[in-house]
C-alpha atoms as a PDB file:
ATOM      1  CA  UNK A   1     -16.621  -0.991 -24.666  1.00  0.00           C
ATOM      2  CA  UNK A   2     -17.181   2.445 -23.346  1.00  0.00           C
ATOM      3  CA  UNK A   3     -16.332   4.487 -20.224  1.00  0.00           C
ATOM      4  CA  UNK A   4     -16.859   8.027 -18.958  1.00  0.00           C
ATOM      5  CA  UNK A   5     -14.918   9.841 -16.283  1.00  0.00           C
ATOM      6  CA  UNK A   6     -13.499  13.123 -14.956  1.00  0.00           C
ATOM      7  CA  UNK A   7     -10.443  14.432 -13.219  1.00  0.00           C
ATOM      8  CA  UNK A   8     -11.931  15.264  -9.892  1.00  0.00           C
ATOM      9  CA  UNK A   9     -10.444  17.770  -7.518  1.00  0.00           C
ATOM     10  CA  UNK A  10      -7.028  17.540  -9.147  1.00  0.00           C
ATOM     11  CA  UNK A  11      -8.532  20.437 -11.162  1.00  0.00           C
ATOM     12  CA  UNK A  12      -8.108  22.616  -8.065  1.00  0.00           C
ATOM     13  CA  UNK A  13      -4.332  22.149  -8.271  1.00  0.00           C
ATOM     14  CA  UNK A  14      -4.413  23.016 -12.008  1.00  0.00           C
ATOM     15  CA  UNK A  15      -6.440  26.186 -11.184  1.00  0.00           C
ATOM     16  CA  UNK A  16      -3.937  27.268  -8.572  1.00  0.00           C
ATOM     17  CA  UNK A  17      -0.875  26.509 -10.687  1.00  0.00           C
ATOM     18  CA  UNK A  18      -2.233  27.965 -13.879  1.00  0.00           C
ATOM     19  CA  UNK A  19      -1.142  24.824 -15.781  1.00  0.00           C
ATOM     20  CA  UNK A  20      -3.976  23.153 -17.743  1.00  0.00           C
ATOM     21  CA  UNK A  21      -2.575  20.842 -20.367  1.00  0.00           C
ATOM     22  CA  UNK A  22      -1.820  18.044 -17.863  1.00  0.00           C
ATOM     23  CA  UNK A  23      -5.427  17.534 -16.828  1.00  0.00           C
ATOM     24  CA  UNK A  24      -6.400  16.861 -20.451  1.00  0.00           C
ATOM     25  CA  UNK A  25      -3.842  14.147 -20.664  1.00  0.00           C
ATOM     26  CA  UNK A  26      -4.932  12.838 -17.202  1.00  0.00           C
ATOM     27  CA  UNK A  27      -8.455  12.519 -18.406  1.00  0.00           C
ATOM     28  CA  UNK A  28      -7.732  10.611 -21.630  1.00  0.00           C
ATOM     29  CA  UNK A  29      -5.193   8.258 -19.890  1.00  0.00           C
ATOM     30  CA  UNK A  30      -7.555   7.481 -17.092  1.00  0.00           C
ATOM     31  CA  UNK A  31     -10.283   6.534 -19.533  1.00  0.00           C
ATOM     32  CA  UNK A  32      -7.968   4.438 -21.746  1.00  0.00           C
ATOM     33  CA  UNK A  33      -6.792   2.466 -18.635  1.00  0.00           C
ATOM     34  CA  UNK A  34     -10.462   1.855 -17.679  1.00  0.00           C
ATOM     35  CA  UNK A  35     -11.366   0.255 -20.887  1.00  0.00           C
ATOM     36  CA  UNK A  36      -8.015  -1.468 -21.086  1.00  0.00           C
ATOM     37  CA  UNK A  37      -9.106  -3.451 -18.063  1.00  0.00           C
ATOM     38  CA  UNK A  38     -11.858  -5.034 -20.257  1.00  0.00           C
ATOM     39  CA  UNK A  39      -9.243  -5.826 -22.809  1.00  0.00           C
ATOM     40  CA  UNK A  40     -10.285  -3.066 -25.194  1.00  0.00           C
ATOM     41  CA  UNK A  41      -8.295  -0.921 -27.593  1.00  0.00           C
ATOM     42  CA  UNK A  42      -9.244   2.723 -27.704  1.00  0.00           C
ATOM     43  CA  UNK A  43     -11.075   3.884 -30.909  1.00  0.00           C
ATOM     44  CA  UNK A  44     -12.251   7.430 -30.228  1.00  0.00           C
ATOM     45  CA  UNK A  45     -12.754  10.021 -27.487  1.00  0.00           C
ATOM     46  CA  UNK A  46     -15.169  12.830 -26.831  1.00  0.00           C
ATOM     47  CA  UNK A  47     -14.706  15.584 -24.280  1.00  0.00           C
ATOM     48  CA  UNK A  48     -16.985  17.845 -22.245  1.00  0.00           C
ATOM     49  CA  UNK A  49     -15.683  21.266 -20.983  1.00  0.00           C
ATOM     50  CA  UNK A  50     -17.801  23.648 -18.932  1.00  0.00           C
ATOM     51  CA  UNK A  51     -16.745  27.240 -18.019  1.00  0.00           C
ATOM     52  CA  UNK A  52     -18.398  30.046 -16.202  1.00  0.00           C
ATOM     53  CA  UNK A  53     -16.666  32.318 -18.736  1.00  0.00           C
ATOM     54  CA  UNK A  54     -14.663  30.801 -21.616  1.00  0.00           C
ATOM     55  CA  UNK A  55     -11.002  31.567 -21.386  1.00  0.00           C
ATOM     56  CA  UNK A  56      -9.467  30.825 -24.737  1.00  0.00           C
ATOM     57  CA  UNK A  57      -5.943  30.181 -23.508  1.00  0.00           C
ATOM     58  CA  UNK A  58      -7.066  27.687 -20.873  1.00  0.00           C
ATOM     59  CA  UNK A  59      -9.362  26.001 -23.348  1.00  0.00           C
ATOM     60  CA  UNK A  60      -6.557  25.639 -25.879  1.00  0.00           C
ATOM     61  CA  UNK A  61      -4.194  24.210 -23.182  1.00  0.00           C
ATOM     62  CA  UNK A  62      -6.758  21.622 -22.050  1.00  0.00           C
ATOM     63  CA  UNK A  63      -7.586  20.535 -25.518  1.00  0.00           C
ATOM     64  CA  UNK A  64      -3.850  20.267 -26.503  1.00  0.00           C
ATOM     65  CA  UNK A  65      -3.422  17.865 -23.558  1.00  0.00           C
ATOM     66  CA  UNK A  66      -6.458  15.835 -24.736  1.00  0.00           C
ATOM     67  CA  UNK A  67      -5.146  15.743 -28.246  1.00  0.00           C
ATOM     68  CA  UNK A  68      -1.569  14.766 -27.225  1.00  0.00           C
ATOM     69  CA  UNK A  69      -2.741  11.814 -25.148  1.00  0.00           C
ATOM     70  CA  UNK A  70      -5.198  10.598 -27.762  1.00  0.00           C
ATOM     71  CA  UNK A  71      -2.413  10.767 -30.480  1.00  0.00           C
ATOM     72  CA  UNK A  72      -0.022   8.782 -28.206  1.00  0.00           C
ATOM     73  CA  UNK A  73      -2.476   5.907 -27.858  1.00  0.00           C
ATOM     74  CA  UNK A  74      -3.710   5.930 -31.428  1.00  0.00           C
ATOM     75  CA  UNK A  75      -7.157   7.160 -30.320  1.00  0.00           C
ATOM     76  CA  UNK A  76      -9.171   9.627 -32.392  1.00  0.00           C
ATOM     77  CA  UNK A  77     -10.348  12.900 -30.708  1.00  0.00           C
ATOM     78  CA  UNK A  78     -13.573  13.191 -32.700  1.00  0.00           C
ATOM     79  CA  UNK A  79     -15.330  16.087 -30.904  1.00  0.00           C
ATOM     80  CA  UNK A  80     -16.959  17.246 -27.784  1.00  0.00           C
ATOM     81  CA  UNK A  81     -19.019  19.991 -26.188  1.00  0.00           C
ATOM     82  CA  UNK A  82     -17.857  23.231 -24.654  1.00  0.00           C
ATOM     83  CA  UNK A  83     -20.372  24.950 -22.423  1.00  0.00           C
ATOM     84  CA  UNK A  84     -20.298  28.444 -21.094  1.00  0.00           C
ATOM     85  CA  UNK A  85     -22.499  28.947 -18.038  1.00  0.00           C
ATOM     86  CA  UNK A  86     -22.125  32.297 -16.408  1.00  0.00           C
ATOM     87  CA  UNK A  87     -22.455  32.277 -12.639  1.00  0.00           C
ATOM     88  CA  UNK A  88     -22.287  28.535 -12.336  1.00  0.00           C
ATOM     89  CA  UNK A  89     -18.457  28.326 -11.833  1.00  0.00           C
ATOM     90  CA  UNK A  90     -16.115  30.516  -9.941  1.00  0.00           C
ATOM     91  CA  UNK A  91     -13.897  32.782 -12.006  1.00  0.00           C
ATOM     92  CA  UNK A  92     -10.917  30.890 -13.407  1.00  0.00           C
ATOM     93  CA  UNK A  93     -12.529  27.550 -12.807  1.00  0.00           C
ATOM     94  CA  UNK A  94     -14.056  24.855 -15.153  1.00  0.00           C
ATOM     95  CA  UNK A  95     -15.011  21.199 -15.184  1.00  0.00           C
ATOM     96  CA  UNK A  96     -13.992  18.499 -17.640  1.00  0.00           C
ATOM     97  CA  UNK A  97     -15.134  15.009 -18.291  1.00  0.00           C
ATOM     98  CA  UNK A  98     -14.752  12.607 -21.194  1.00  0.00           C
ATOM     99  CA  UNK A  99     -16.189   9.557 -22.863  1.00  0.00           C
ATOM    100  CA  UNK A 100     -14.160   6.911 -24.613  1.00  0.00           C
ATOM    101  CA  UNK A 101     -15.155   4.073 -26.890  1.00  0.00           C
ATOM    102  CA  UNK A 102     -12.969   1.014 -27.600  1.00  0.00           C
ATOM    103  CA  UNK A 103     -13.292  -2.443 -29.140  1.00  0.00           C
ATOM    104  CA  UNK A 104     -12.381  -5.942 -28.059  1.00  0.00           C
ATOM    105  CA  UNK A 105     -13.364  -9.343 -29.606  1.00  0.00           C
ATOM    106  CA  UNK A 106     -16.144 -10.873 -27.491  1.00  0.00           C
ATOM    107  CA  UNK A 107     -14.135 -13.958 -26.696  1.00  0.00           C
ATOM    108  CA  UNK A 108     -11.166 -11.794 -25.438  1.00  0.00           C
ATOM    109  CA  UNK A 109     -13.191  -9.668 -23.045  1.00  0.00           C
ATOM    110  CA  UNK A 110     -11.613  -9.505 -19.606  1.00  0.00           C
ATOM    111  CA  UNK A 111     -14.282  -9.831 -16.971  1.00  0.00           C
ATOM    112  CA  UNK A 112     -12.439 -11.659 -14.137  1.00  0.00           C
ATOM    113  CA  UNK A 113     -13.817 -15.015 -14.992  1.00  0.00           C
ATOM    114  CA  UNK A 114     -10.388 -16.378 -15.920  1.00  0.00           C
ATOM    115  CA  UNK A 115      -8.982 -15.510 -12.420  1.00  0.00           C
ATOM    116  CA  UNK A 116      -8.455 -18.556 -10.180  1.00  0.00           C
ATOM    117  CA  UNK A 117      -6.938 -19.449  -6.936  1.00  0.00           C
ATOM    118  CA  UNK A 118      -3.164 -19.293  -6.973  1.00  0.00           C
ATOM    119  CA  UNK A 119      -2.893 -16.670  -9.644  1.00  0.00           C
ATOM    120  CA  UNK A 120      -0.316 -13.887  -9.092  1.00  0.00           C
ATOM    121  CA  UNK A 121      -0.949 -10.153  -8.865  1.00  0.00           C
ATOM    122  CA  UNK A 122       1.753  -7.959 -10.437  1.00  0.00           C
ATOM    123  CA  UNK A 123       1.788  -4.209  -9.845  1.00  0.00           C
ATOM    124  CA  UNK A 124       2.860  -1.659 -12.519  1.00  0.00           C
ATOM    125  CA  UNK A 125       4.233   1.628 -11.097  1.00  0.00           C
ATOM    126  CA  UNK A 126       2.247   4.819 -11.075  1.00  0.00           C
ATOM    127  CA  UNK A 127       3.701   8.266 -11.572  1.00  0.00           C
ATOM    128  CA  UNK A 128       2.142   9.594  -8.437  1.00  0.00           C
ATOM    129  CA  UNK A 129      -1.410  10.192  -7.222  1.00  0.00           C
ATOM    130  CA  UNK A 130      -2.734   9.812 -10.769  1.00  0.00           C
ATOM    131  CA  UNK A 131      -6.319  11.282 -10.436  1.00  0.00           C
ATOM    132  CA  UNK A 132      -7.434   9.997  -7.085  1.00  0.00           C
ATOM    133  CA  UNK A 133      -7.018  11.014  -3.417  1.00  0.00           C
ATOM    134  CA  UNK A 134      -6.793  14.730  -4.123  1.00  0.00           C
ATOM    135  CA  UNK A 135      -9.424  15.782  -1.618  1.00  0.00           C
ATOM    136  CA  UNK A 136      -7.383  14.246   1.185  1.00  0.00           C
ATOM    137  CA  UNK A 137      -4.043  15.316  -0.344  1.00  0.00           C
ATOM    138  CA  UNK A 138      -5.151  18.942  -0.698  1.00  0.00           C
ATOM    139  CA  UNK A 139      -6.431  18.974   2.846  1.00  0.00           C
ATOM    140  CA  UNK A 140      -3.151  17.689   4.212  1.00  0.00           C
ATOM    141  CA  UNK A 141      -0.855  19.983   2.041  1.00  0.00           C
ATOM    142  CA  UNK A 142      -2.801  23.178   1.842  1.00  0.00           C
ATOM    143  CA  UNK A 143      -4.759  23.196   5.108  1.00  0.00           C
ATOM    144  CA  UNK A 144      -2.720  21.182   7.633  1.00  0.00           C
ATOM    145  CA  UNK A 145       0.752  21.927   6.306  1.00  0.00           C
ATOM    146  CA  UNK A 146      -0.085  25.431   5.106  1.00  0.00           C
ATOM    147  CA  UNK A 147       1.836  25.066   1.785  1.00  0.00           C
ATOM    148  CA  UNK A 148       0.940  26.343  -1.653  1.00  0.00           C
ATOM    149  CA  UNK A 149       1.540  25.018  -5.159  1.00  0.00           C
ATOM    150  CA  UNK A 150       4.950  26.863  -5.331  1.00  0.00           C
ATOM    151  CA  UNK A 151       6.196  25.501  -2.040  1.00  0.00           C
ATOM    152  CA  UNK A 152       8.955  22.797  -2.028  1.00  0.00           C
ATOM    153  CA  UNK A 153       7.334  19.525  -1.007  1.00  0.00           C
ATOM    154  CA  UNK A 154       8.957  18.434   2.205  1.00  0.00           C
ATOM    155  CA  UNK A 155      11.492  15.652   1.674  1.00  0.00           C
ATOM    156  CA  UNK A 156      11.234  15.833  -2.257  1.00  0.00           C
ATOM    157  CA  UNK A 157      13.246  17.988  -4.646  1.00  0.00           C
ATOM    158  CA  UNK A 158      10.038  19.234  -6.395  1.00  0.00           C
ATOM    159  CA  UNK A 159       7.310  21.816  -5.735  1.00  0.00           C
ATOM    160  CA  UNK A 160       3.800  20.845  -4.571  1.00  0.00           C
ATOM    161  CA  UNK A 161       2.330  21.783  -7.905  1.00  0.00           C
ATOM    162  CA  UNK A 162       4.824  19.843  -9.856  1.00  0.00           C
ATOM    163  CA  UNK A 163       4.297  16.664  -7.860  1.00  0.00           C
ATOM    164  CA  UNK A 164       0.423  16.942  -7.693  1.00  0.00           C
ATOM    165  CA  UNK A 165       0.148  17.577 -11.500  1.00  0.00           C
ATOM    166  CA  UNK A 166       2.240  14.589 -12.617  1.00  0.00           C
ATOM    167  CA  UNK A 167       0.258  13.073 -15.448  1.00  0.00           C
ATOM    168  CA  UNK A 168      -1.693   9.844 -14.878  1.00  0.00           C
ATOM    169  CA  UNK A 169       0.217   7.117 -16.596  1.00  0.00           C
ATOM    170  CA  UNK A 170      -1.303   5.359 -19.663  1.00  0.00           C
ATOM    171  CA  UNK A 171      -0.689   1.606 -19.485  1.00  0.00           C
ATOM    172  CA  UNK A 172      -1.973   0.812 -22.925  1.00  0.00           C
ATOM    173  CA  UNK A 173       1.324   0.560 -24.882  1.00  0.00           C
ATOM    174  CA  UNK A 174       2.945  -1.866 -22.408  1.00  0.00           C
ATOM    175  CA  UNK A 175       0.002  -4.024 -21.559  1.00  0.00           C
ATOM    176  CA  UNK A 176      -2.079  -4.482 -24.749  1.00  0.00           C
ATOM    177  CA  UNK A 177       0.537  -6.782 -26.305  1.00  0.00           C
ATOM    178  CA  UNK A 178       0.259  -9.076 -23.372  1.00  0.00           C
ATOM    179  CA  UNK A 179      -3.451  -9.419 -24.149  1.00  0.00           C
ATOM    180  CA  UNK A 180      -2.699 -10.667 -27.518  1.00  0.00           C
ATOM    181  CA  UNK A 181      -0.624 -13.465 -26.046  1.00  0.00           C
ATOM    182  CA  UNK A 182      -3.462 -14.511 -23.700  1.00  0.00           C
ATOM    183  CA  UNK A 183      -1.159 -14.079 -20.680  1.00  0.00           C
ATOM    184  CA  UNK A 184      -3.472 -11.913 -18.627  1.00  0.00           C
ATOM    185  CA  UNK A 185      -6.366 -13.169 -16.537  1.00  0.00           C
ATOM    186  CA  UNK A 186      -7.469  -9.810 -15.230  1.00  0.00           C
ATOM    187  CA  UNK A 187      -6.560  -6.107 -14.977  1.00  0.00           C
ATOM    188  CA  UNK A 188      -7.471  -3.607 -12.190  1.00  0.00           C
ATOM    189  CA  UNK A 189      -6.925   0.148 -12.648  1.00  0.00           C
ATOM    190  CA  UNK A 190      -6.015   1.303  -9.101  1.00  0.00           C
ATOM    191  CA  UNK A 191      -8.243   4.341  -8.588  1.00  0.00           C
ATOM    192  CA  UNK A 192     -10.643   5.221  -5.701  1.00  0.00           C
ATOM    193  CA  UNK A 193     -10.724   2.333  -3.213  1.00  0.00           C
ATOM    194  CA  UNK A 194      -6.978   1.534  -3.575  1.00  0.00           C
ATOM    195  CA  UNK A 195      -5.454  -1.771  -4.354  1.00  0.00           C
ATOM    196  CA  UNK A 196      -7.893  -4.033  -2.429  1.00  0.00           C
ATOM    197  CA  UNK A 197     -10.999  -2.155  -3.488  1.00  0.00           C
ATOM    198  CA  UNK A 198     -10.206  -2.387  -7.195  1.00  0.00           C
ATOM    199  CA  UNK A 199      -8.824  -5.836  -7.272  1.00  0.00           C
ATOM    200  CA  UNK A 200     -11.406  -7.547  -5.112  1.00  0.00           C
ATOM    201  CA  UNK A 201     -14.314  -6.224  -7.251  1.00  0.00           C
ATOM    202  CA  UNK A 202     -12.832  -8.437 -10.110  1.00  0.00           C
ATOM    203  CA  UNK A 203     -12.848 -11.632  -8.180  1.00  0.00           C
ATOM    204  CA  UNK A 204     -15.486 -14.325  -8.131  1.00  0.00           C
ATOM    205  CA  UNK A 205     -17.212 -15.276  -4.933  1.00  0.00           C
ATOM    206  CA  UNK A 206     -14.774 -17.260  -2.694  1.00  0.00           C
ATOM    207  CA  UNK A 207     -11.653 -15.602  -3.934  1.00  0.00           C
ATOM    208  CA  UNK A 208      -9.823 -12.855  -2.200  1.00  0.00           C
ATOM    209  CA  UNK A 209      -6.743 -10.871  -3.027  1.00  0.00           C
ATOM    210  CA  UNK A 210      -3.720 -11.208  -0.774  1.00  0.00           C
ATOM    211  CA  UNK A 211      -1.430  -8.216  -1.025  1.00  0.00           C
ATOM    212  CA  UNK A 212       2.189  -8.370   0.162  1.00  0.00           C
ATOM    213  CA  UNK A 213       2.353  -4.715   1.352  1.00  0.00           C
ATOM    214  CA  UNK A 214       6.078  -4.924   1.952  1.00  0.00           C
ATOM    215  CA  UNK A 215       6.948  -6.133  -1.547  1.00  0.00           C
ATOM    216  CA  UNK A 216       7.378  -2.616  -2.936  1.00  0.00           C
ATOM    217  CA  UNK A 217       8.420   0.831  -1.561  1.00  0.00           C
ATOM    218  CA  UNK A 218       5.798   3.577  -1.478  1.00  0.00           C
ATOM    219  CA  UNK A 219       6.688   6.587  -3.713  1.00  0.00           C
ATOM    220  CA  UNK A 220       8.070   9.464  -1.674  1.00  0.00           C
ATOM    221  CA  UNK A 221       4.937  11.575  -2.110  1.00  0.00           C
ATOM    222  CA  UNK A 222       2.831   9.054  -0.192  1.00  0.00           C
ATOM    223  CA  UNK A 223       5.349   8.853   2.576  1.00  0.00           C
ATOM    224  CA  UNK A 224       5.229  12.703   2.852  1.00  0.00           C
ATOM    225  CA  UNK A 225       1.380  12.777   2.784  1.00  0.00           C
ATOM    226  CA  UNK A 226       1.221  10.191   5.518  1.00  0.00           C
ATOM    227  CA  UNK A 227       3.757  12.047   7.757  1.00  0.00           C
ATOM    228  CA  UNK A 228       2.222  15.533   7.217  1.00  0.00           C
ATOM    229  CA  UNK A 229      -1.333  14.346   7.702  1.00  0.00           C
ATOM    230  CA  UNK A 230      -0.661  11.571  10.325  1.00  0.00           C
ATOM    231  CA  UNK A 231      -2.772   9.340   8.209  1.00  0.00           C
ATOM    232  CA  UNK A 232      -3.076   5.652   9.359  1.00  0.00           C
ATOM    233  CA  UNK A 233      -1.920   2.883   7.016  1.00  0.00           C
ATOM    234  CA  UNK A 234      -5.372   1.477   6.372  1.00  0.00           C
ATOM    235  CA  UNK A 235      -6.680   4.935   5.156  1.00  0.00           C
ATOM    236  CA  UNK A 236      -3.598   5.395   2.978  1.00  0.00           C
ATOM    237  CA  UNK A 237      -4.379   1.948   1.420  1.00  0.00           C
ATOM    238  CA  UNK A 238      -7.925   2.767   0.843  1.00  0.00           C
ATOM    239  CA  UNK A 239      -7.424   6.348  -0.641  1.00  0.00           C
ATOM    240  CA  UNK A 240      -4.225   6.205  -2.628  1.00  0.00           C
ATOM    241  CA  UNK A 241      -2.573   3.900  -5.154  1.00  0.00           C
ATOM    242  CA  UNK A 242       0.720   4.015  -3.143  1.00  0.00           C
ATOM    243  CA  UNK A 243       2.804   3.726  -6.286  1.00  0.00           C
ATOM    244  CA  UNK A 244       0.900   0.902  -8.044  1.00  0.00           C
ATOM    245  CA  UNK A 245      -1.336   2.207 -10.856  1.00  0.00           C
ATOM    246  CA  UNK A 246      -2.314  -0.998 -12.543  1.00  0.00           C
ATOM    247  CA  UNK A 247      -2.602  -4.623 -11.253  1.00  0.00           C
ATOM    248  CA  UNK A 248      -2.047  -7.344 -13.653  1.00  0.00           C
ATOM    249  CA  UNK A 249      -3.395 -10.853 -12.727  1.00  0.00           C
ATOM    250  CA  UNK A 250      -1.784 -13.787 -14.378  1.00  0.00           C
ATOM    251  CA  UNK A 251      -0.922 -17.466 -13.709  1.00  0.00           C
ATOM    252  CA  UNK A 252       2.112 -18.237 -11.594  1.00  0.00           C
ATOM    253  CA  UNK A 253       3.819 -19.978 -14.546  1.00  0.00           C
ATOM    254  CA  UNK A 254       3.502 -16.823 -16.704  1.00  0.00           C
ATOM    255  CA  UNK A 255       4.281 -14.310 -14.069  1.00  0.00           C
ATOM    256  CA  UNK A 256       8.017 -14.081 -14.942  1.00  0.00           C
ATOM    257  CA  UNK A 257       7.292 -13.508 -18.634  1.00  0.00           C
ATOM    258  CA  UNK A 258       4.654 -10.864 -17.803  1.00  0.00           C
END
């Protein structure tokens, strides 16, 4: 099983903050979660970094984040590519992407085929925005509210930069052991498209996810974004994870154990 991804416009927050190790960890964790949803254990990871002009301290910070996240998950960082392309990126900016390869026994692949009517959807908490919704979040915070990365985020005891650079949670350590016990029918990594978008794509024709939206409390950052941006509920649900980073689908009889 393999997957490739990037960090998106969360990088803009890293540029403004001057903090670069977190986006390396974001990238690895995002990719691990993606292949985890197929039931796979990560084997190795490769990165691609592109600069207009290579800045060694920034490069080292990003790679240290990549290495730390790989080590935490038992995944080998075996190499990558670093490109320097003068004039292509603005000064102080770069782009990053990564490819991960993992393995799962063919008979244990999660593809949604085990999901049936009456199964239960359980949500595992996110740390914050993870790596999705940053274009809207940046527009609300920096353009509409006129804040910067060092500003206190209204209603929270944290700066804008600290909140927006919280690292994307890796769910592999907690979830993989459940796969060995055959308790999981499906996994959905809640990224672009929100809960409904990511869960429904798993389901066979005739099945539809029913989300009890009042069964958990949104993380404070999402409440603040909605208030500052006057964003309707349906757009919030479509763009953000709202505090649920991974959905675990299991049978009702196994839901308590999971």
